[in-house]
Every structure is written in C-alpha cells, then in structure tokens.
Amino acid sequence: MLIVVWILNAVALLAVAFVLPGITVASFWSAMGAALVLGLLNALVKPILIILTLPITIVTMGLFLLVLNALMFWWAGSMLKGFSVDGFWWAVAGAVLYSLIASLFSMLIFQQ
C-alpha cells in the first residue's frame, strides 16, 4: 500500500513538472526520490514548523499553511539534483497542483 502511494506521488510530481515550466524533474527515478523526500519533510519537519508558526497561521486564518507547503516543496527541490524548483512562486503553484493531483490519484485508486 505504501509503495503504491509513493509511486502515485511520483507520477503526480511528473505531472506537475509537465504542466509548470518552473519545475523540472529529470526522470521517473528522480521523481521517486523527490516524492520520498517530500513525504519525509512533510512527516518530520512540517509538524514542527506548524507548531512554531501557529500564531501567524491563526492570524492569517490558515493561509500561512500554503506558504509552509511551498517552502517544503522548494526545499525538496534544492536538496535533490534531478528535481528543481525555479523560485518561490513556482513552489507555491507546484505545491498546490501536486497536492491536488496526488489527492485525486488517491481518491481514484483507493475508493471504497
């Protein structure tokens, strides 16, 4: 089950790179690595950042979480060679599109 989600996230990342010119993925294996890094960042680092930025998240009524998603996406792009994000606004667009596509894939595959 976990491997299927990982592959679906890699395919979603490839779709994002296909649609947005500011995001590049070199190969399917680069997408697999980027999906793994994004998953680890979102599981380990993002909860800490959410707690640290809770006051600004409350003031912005949750919109700052979009910035956190973009920062995680941008950070993953800076850590890997086969995956790159050209700037913050590309990271915002990529993070939003990536989450929408990955959610759609999960809904279609794991529908019960």
Foldseek 3Di string as FASTA:
>chain_A
DVVVLLLQLLVLLVVLVVVDVQKFAQDSVSSSVLSVQLVCCVVPVLVVVCVVCVVVCVVVVNPCVLQVLLVSQQVSQVVDDRIHGNDSVSSSVSSVSSVVSSVVVCCVPVPD
